[in-house]
Amino acid sequence: QVQLVESGGGLVQPGGSLRLSCAASGRAVSSENVQWYRQAPGKGRELVAVIGHLGTTLYGNSVKGRSTISKDNATNTAHLQINNLKPEDTAIYYCTITMYWGQGTQVTVSS
């Protein structure tokens, strides 16, 4: 059974940074594509970033240039670092592997 557990969200001031984590069990992140999505209140889900099984990365326009997606194969964890956070980054952030989704972690950017 595949389980994904996100962590690292919280309340942060504009301009701050957060590093989100996605701990996986049942699948090895080293051999999977891992995606991060987010959903803001009243909006649809938005693809934030993808890291392929070979390490190639892709970023959504909204975070391009200020975010980094990575994988730690030793801990079977994926990470998403977002810098220069903006109020419009406020959302629940989810990681996914194939059809499996975590429960999400809330990120709130506010002064």
N, C-alpha and C. Protein backbone atom coordinates (compact mmCIF):
# COMPACT_ATOMS: atom_id res chain seq x y z
N GLN A 1 0.85 -1.19 0.00
CA GLN A 1 0.00 0.00 0.00
C GLN A 1 0.88 1.24 0.00
N VAL A 2 0.53 2.19 -0.85
CA VAL A 2 1.31 3.42 -0.97
C VAL A 2 0.73 4.47 -0.04
N GLN A 3 1.61 5.09 0.72
CA GLN A 3 1.20 6.21 1.58
C GLN A 3 2.12 7.38 1.35
N LEU A 4 1.54 8.57 1.28
CA LEU A 4 2.29 9.81 1.13
C LEU A 4 1.87 10.74 2.26
N VAL A 5 2.84 11.26 2.96
CA VAL A 5 2.55 12.14 4.09
C VAL A 5 3.32 13.44 3.91
N GLU A 6 2.57 14.53 3.71
CA GLU A 6 3.19 15.83 3.55
C GLU A 6 3.38 16.51 4.90
N SER A 7 4.39 17.34 4.97
CA SER A 7 4.64 18.13 6.17
C SER A 7 5.40 19.39 5.78
N GLY A 8 5.52 20.29 6.73
CA GLY A 8 6.32 21.48 6.50
C GLY A 8 5.53 22.74 6.22
N GLY A 9 4.22 22.62 6.11
CA GLY A 9 3.42 23.81 5.88
C GLY A 9 3.31 24.65 7.15
N GLY A 10 2.68 25.79 6.99
CA GLY A 10 2.50 26.67 8.14
C GLY A 10 2.17 28.07 7.71
N LEU A 11 2.25 28.97 8.68
CA LEU A 11 2.01 30.39 8.43
C LEU A 11 3.36 31.08 8.25
N VAL A 12 3.49 31.80 7.17
CA VAL A 12 4.75 32.48 6.88
C VAL A 12 4.44 33.87 6.33
N GLN A 13 5.31 34.80 6.60
CA GLN A 13 5.13 36.16 6.10
C GLN A 13 5.53 36.25 4.63
N PRO A 14 4.94 37.18 3.92
CA PRO A 14 5.37 37.39 2.53
C PRO A 14 6.87 37.61 2.45
N GLY A 15 7.47 37.00 1.45
CA GLY A 15 8.91 37.07 1.29
C GLY A 15 9.66 35.95 1.97
N GLY A 16 8.97 35.19 2.79
CA GLY A 16 9.61 34.09 3.50
C GLY A 16 9.74 32.85 2.63
N SER A 17 10.23 31.79 3.27
CA SER A 17 10.45 30.53 2.55
C SER A 17 9.87 29.37 3.36
N LEU A 18 9.55 28.31 2.64
CA LEU A 18 9.12 27.08 3.27
C LEU A 18 9.72 25.91 2.51
N ARG A 19 9.96 24.84 3.23
CA ARG A 19 10.40 23.59 2.62
C ARG A 19 9.39 22.52 2.99
N LEU A 20 8.65 22.09 2.00
CA LEU A 20 7.65 21.05 2.21
C LEU A 20 8.27 19.69 1.96
N SER A 21 7.81 18.71 2.71
CA SER A 21 8.32 17.35 2.57
C SER A 21 7.17 16.39 2.28
N CYS A 22 7.51 15.35 1.57
CA CYS A 22 6.54 14.30 1.25
C CYS A 22 7.22 12.96 1.51
N ALA A 23 6.87 12.34 2.62
CA ALA A 23 7.44 11.05 2.98
C ALA A 23 6.62 9.94 2.35
N ALA A 24 7.29 9.11 1.57
CA ALA A 24 6.60 8.05 0.85
C ALA A 24 6.89 6.68 1.45
N SER A 25 5.90 5.82 1.41
CA SER A 25 6.08 4.42 1.76
C SER A 25 5.30 3.59 0.75
N GLY A 26 5.82 2.42 0.45
CA GLY A 26 5.17 1.55 -0.51
C GLY A 26 5.65 1.73 -1.94
N ARG A 27 6.33 2.83 -2.20
CA ARG A 27 6.95 3.09 -3.50
C ARG A 27 8.26 3.82 -3.24
N ALA A 28 9.21 3.56 -4.11
CA ALA A 28 10.49 4.25 -3.99
C ALA A 28 10.47 5.51 -4.83
N VAL A 29 10.67 6.68 -4.22
CA VAL A 29 10.65 7.92 -4.98
C VAL A 29 11.75 7.93 -6.04
N SER A 30 12.79 7.14 -5.83
CA SER A 30 13.90 7.12 -6.78
C SER A 30 13.47 6.60 -8.14
N SER A 31 12.40 5.82 -8.18
CA SER A 31 11.97 5.22 -9.44
C SER A 31 10.62 5.75 -9.92
N GLU A 32 10.17 6.83 -9.29
CA GLU A 32 8.85 7.36 -9.62
C GLU A 32 8.93 8.84 -10.00
N ASN A 33 7.95 9.29 -10.78
CA ASN A 33 7.73 10.72 -10.96
C ASN A 33 6.93 11.21 -9.75
N VAL A 34 7.35 12.30 -9.18
CA VAL A 34 6.65 12.88 -8.04
C VAL A 34 6.15 14.27 -8.43
N GLN A 35 4.91 14.52 -8.16
CA GLN A 35 4.31 15.81 -8.48
C GLN A 35 3.87 16.51 -7.19
N TRP A 36 3.95 17.81 -7.21
CA TRP A 36 3.35 18.64 -6.17
C TRP A 36 2.24 19.47 -6.83
N TYR A 37 1.07 19.41 -6.24
CA TYR A 37 -0.06 20.24 -6.65
C TYR A 37 -0.43 21.14 -5.48
N ARG A 38 -1.22 22.15 -5.77
CA ARG A 38 -1.78 22.97 -4.70
C ARG A 38 -3.21 23.35 -5.09
N GLN A 39 -3.98 23.62 -4.05
CA GLN A 39 -5.35 24.06 -4.27
C GLN A 39 -5.65 25.19 -3.30
N ALA A 40 -5.93 26.33 -3.87
CA ALA A 40 -6.29 27.50 -3.06
C ALA A 40 -7.79 27.51 -2.84
N PRO A 41 -8.24 28.20 -1.82
CA PRO A 41 -9.68 28.26 -1.54
C PRO A 41 -10.47 28.75 -2.75
N GLY A 42 -11.48 27.97 -3.14
CA GLY A 42 -12.33 28.38 -4.24
C GLY A 42 -11.74 28.21 -5.61
N LYS A 43 -10.56 27.57 -5.69
CA LYS A 43 -9.90 27.40 -6.99
C LYS A 43 -9.64 25.92 -7.24
N GLY A 44 -9.33 25.61 -8.48
CA GLY A 44 -9.01 24.25 -8.84
C GLY A 44 -7.58 23.90 -8.50
N ARG A 45 -7.24 22.63 -8.65
CA ARG A 45 -5.88 22.18 -8.35
C ARG A 45 -4.93 22.68 -9.44
N GLU A 46 -3.76 23.07 -9.00
CA GLU A 46 -2.74 23.63 -9.88
C GLU A 46 -1.46 22.82 -9.73
N LEU A 47 -0.88 22.43 -10.86
CA LEU A 47 0.40 21.73 -10.81
C LEU A 47 1.49 22.73 -10.45
N VAL A 48 2.26 22.42 -9.41
CA VAL A 48 3.32 23.31 -8.95
C VAL A 48 4.67 22.88 -9.49
N ALA A 49 4.98 21.60 -9.36
CA ALA A 49 6.29 21.12 -9.79
C ALA A 49 6.27 19.61 -9.96
N VAL A 50 7.16 19.14 -10.81
CA VAL A 50 7.30 17.71 -11.07
C VAL A 50 8.78 17.36 -11.06
N ILE A 51 9.11 16.23 -10.49
CA ILE A 51 10.46 15.69 -10.63
C ILE A 51 10.33 14.27 -11.17
N GLY A 52 10.99 14.02 -12.27
CA GLY A 52 10.91 12.72 -12.91
C GLY A 52 11.77 11.68 -12.21
N HIS A 53 11.60 10.44 -12.62
CA HIS A 53 12.33 9.36 -11.96
C HIS A 53 13.83 9.47 -12.23
N LEU A 54 14.19 10.19 -13.29
CA LEU A 54 15.61 10.41 -13.57
C LEU A 54 16.10 11.75 -13.05
N GLY A 55 15.22 12.48 -12.37
CA GLY A 55 15.63 13.74 -11.76
C GLY A 55 15.35 14.98 -12.55
N THR A 56 14.76 14.83 -13.72
CA THR A 56 14.40 16.04 -14.48
C THR A 56 13.26 16.76 -13.77
N THR A 57 13.25 18.08 -13.89
CA THR A 57 12.27 18.88 -13.15
C THR A 57 11.48 19.78 -14.08
N LEU A 58 10.29 20.10 -13.62
CA LEU A 58 9.40 20.99 -14.35
C LEU A 58 8.65 21.81 -13.32
N TYR A 59 8.47 23.11 -13.59
CA TYR A 59 7.81 23.99 -12.63
C TYR A 59 6.65 24.73 -13.28
N GLY A 60 5.62 24.95 -12.50
CA GLY A 60 4.53 25.77 -12.96
C GLY A 60 4.97 27.23 -13.03
N ASN A 61 4.31 27.97 -13.89
CA ASN A 61 4.71 29.37 -14.10
C ASN A 61 4.62 30.18 -12.81
N SER A 62 3.69 29.83 -11.96
CA SER A 62 3.46 30.62 -10.75
C SER A 62 4.62 30.53 -9.76
N VAL A 63 5.43 29.50 -9.83
CA VAL A 63 6.54 29.33 -8.87
C VAL A 63 7.89 29.25 -9.55
N LYS A 64 7.89 29.29 -10.87
CA LYS A 64 9.14 29.15 -11.62
C LYS A 64 10.13 30.24 -11.21
N GLY A 65 11.34 29.84 -10.94
CA GLY A 65 12.39 30.78 -10.57
C GLY A 65 12.53 31.01 -9.08
N ARG A 66 11.59 30.52 -8.31
CA ARG A 66 11.68 30.70 -6.85
C ARG A 66 11.35 29.41 -6.10
N SER A 67 11.38 28.30 -6.80
CA SER A 67 11.12 27.03 -6.12
C SER A 67 12.07 25.96 -6.61
N THR A 68 12.25 24.94 -5.77
CA THR A 68 13.11 23.82 -6.12
C THR A 68 12.45 22.54 -5.63
N ILE A 69 12.30 21.60 -6.54
CA ILE A 69 11.79 20.28 -6.17
C ILE A 69 12.96 19.31 -6.17
N SER A 70 12.96 18.41 -5.20
CA SER A 70 14.08 17.48 -5.09
C SER A 70 13.60 16.17 -4.47
N LYS A 71 14.46 15.18 -4.55
CA LYS A 71 14.17 13.89 -3.92
C LYS A 71 15.36 13.45 -3.10
N ASP A 72 15.08 12.84 -1.96
CA ASP A 72 16.12 12.24 -1.12
C ASP A 72 15.85 10.75 -1.12
N ASN A 73 16.62 10.04 -1.91
CA ASN A 73 16.37 8.60 -2.05
C ASN A 73 16.67 7.85 -0.76
N ALA A 74 17.59 8.34 0.01
CA ALA A 74 17.96 7.65 1.24
C ALA A 74 16.81 7.63 2.25
N THR A 75 16.03 8.69 2.29
CA THR A 75 14.91 8.77 3.22
C THR A 75 13.57 8.55 2.52
N ASN A 76 13.62 8.31 1.20
CA ASN A 76 12.41 8.11 0.41
C ASN A 76 11.43 9.28 0.57
N THR A 77 11.98 10.47 0.45
CA THR A 77 11.21 11.69 0.67
C THR A 77 11.44 12.66 -0.48
N ALA A 78 10.37 13.32 -0.88
CA ALA A 78 10.47 14.40 -1.85
C ALA A 78 10.28 15.73 -1.14
N HIS A 79 10.91 16.77 -1.67
CA HIS A 79 10.84 18.08 -1.04
C HIS A 79 10.45 19.13 -2.07
N LEU A 80 9.81 20.17 -1.58
CA LEU A 80 9.52 21.33 -2.40
C LEU A 80 9.87 22.57 -1.60
N GLN A 81 10.84 23.28 -2.06
CA GLN A 81 11.26 24.54 -1.43
C GLN A 81 10.67 25.68 -2.25
N ILE A 82 10.00 26.60 -1.57
CA ILE A 82 9.48 27.79 -2.23
C ILE A 82 10.01 29.01 -1.50
N ASN A 83 10.63 29.88 -2.24
CA ASN A 83 11.18 31.11 -1.68
C ASN A 83 10.33 32.31 -2.10
N ASN A 84 10.59 33.42 -1.46
CA ASN A 84 9.88 34.66 -1.78
C ASN A 84 8.37 34.40 -1.86
N LEU A 85 7.84 33.80 -0.81
CA LEU A 85 6.43 33.44 -0.79
C LEU A 85 5.54 34.68 -0.88
N LYS A 86 4.41 34.49 -1.58
CA LYS A 86 3.45 35.56 -1.81
C LYS A 86 2.10 35.14 -1.27
N PRO A 87 1.24 36.08 -0.95
CA PRO A 87 -0.10 35.70 -0.46
C PRO A 87 -0.83 34.76 -1.40
N GLU A 88 -0.60 34.89 -2.69
CA GLU A 88 -1.26 34.01 -3.65
C GLU A 88 -0.72 32.58 -3.65
N ASP A 89 0.34 32.34 -2.88
CA ASP A 89 0.83 30.97 -2.69
C ASP A 89 0.03 30.24 -1.62
N THR A 90 -0.86 30.94 -0.94
CA THR A 90 -1.68 30.31 0.08
C THR A 90 -2.54 29.22 -0.54
N ALA A 91 -2.40 28.01 -0.01
CA ALA A 91 -3.11 26.85 -0.57
C ALA A 91 -2.79 25.62 0.27
N ILE A 92 -3.50 24.56 -0.03
CA ILE A 92 -3.11 23.25 0.48
C ILE A 92 -2.22 22.62 -0.58
N TYR A 93 -1.08 22.13 -0.15
CA TYR A 93 -0.11 21.54 -1.06
C TYR A 93 -0.13 20.02 -0.90
N TYR A 94 -0.22 19.34 -2.04
CA TYR A 94 -0.30 17.89 -2.07
C TYR A 94 0.85 17.32 -2.90
N CYS A 95 1.37 16.18 -2.46
CA CYS A 95 2.29 15.45 -3.33
C CYS A 95 1.56 14.22 -3.86
N THR A 96 1.96 13.81 -5.03
CA THR A 96 1.33 12.66 -5.67
C THR A 96 2.37 11.79 -6.35
N ILE A 97 2.11 10.50 -6.33
CA ILE A 97 2.86 9.51 -7.11
C ILE A 97 1.81 8.65 -7.78
N THR A 98 1.82 8.65 -9.09
CA THR A 98 0.80 7.99 -9.92
C THR A 98 -0.57 8.39 -9.42
N MET A 99 -1.40 7.46 -8.99
CA MET A 99 -2.77 7.76 -8.58
C MET A 99 -2.87 8.08 -7.09
N TYR A 100 -1.76 8.04 -6.39
CA TYR A 100 -1.78 8.20 -4.94
C TYR A 100 -1.52 9.66 -4.54
N TRP A 101 -2.31 10.11 -3.57
CA TRP A 101 -2.21 11.47 -3.08
C TRP A 101 -2.03 11.45 -1.57
N GLY A 102 -1.29 12.43 -1.08
CA GLY A 102 -1.22 12.61 0.35
C GLY A 102 -2.42 13.41 0.84
N GLN A 103 -2.43 13.69 2.14
CA GLN A 103 -3.55 14.41 2.74
C GLN A 103 -3.39 15.92 2.60
N GLY A 104 -2.21 16.36 2.23
CA GLY A 104 -1.96 17.77 2.02
C GLY A 104 -1.41 18.46 3.26
N THR A 105 -0.74 19.59 3.01
CA THR A 105 -0.24 20.43 4.09
C THR A 105 -0.59 21.88 3.75
N GLN A 106 -1.11 22.58 4.74
CA GLN A 106 -1.60 23.94 4.52
C GLN A 106 -0.44 24.94 4.56
N VAL A 107 -0.39 25.78 3.56
CA VAL A 107 0.56 26.90 3.53
C VAL A 107 -0.25 28.19 3.50
N THR A 108 0.02 29.05 4.46
CA THR A 108 -0.66 30.34 4.53
C THR A 108 0.38 31.43 4.53
N VAL A 109 0.28 32.33 3.57
CA VAL A 109 1.23 33.44 3.47
C VAL A 109 0.48 34.72 3.80
N SER A 110 0.84 35.29 4.92
CA SER A 110 0.12 36.47 5.38
C SER A 110 0.98 37.25 6.36
N SER A 111 0.81 38.55 6.37
CA SER A 111 1.51 39.38 7.34
C SER A 111 0.62 39.61 8.56
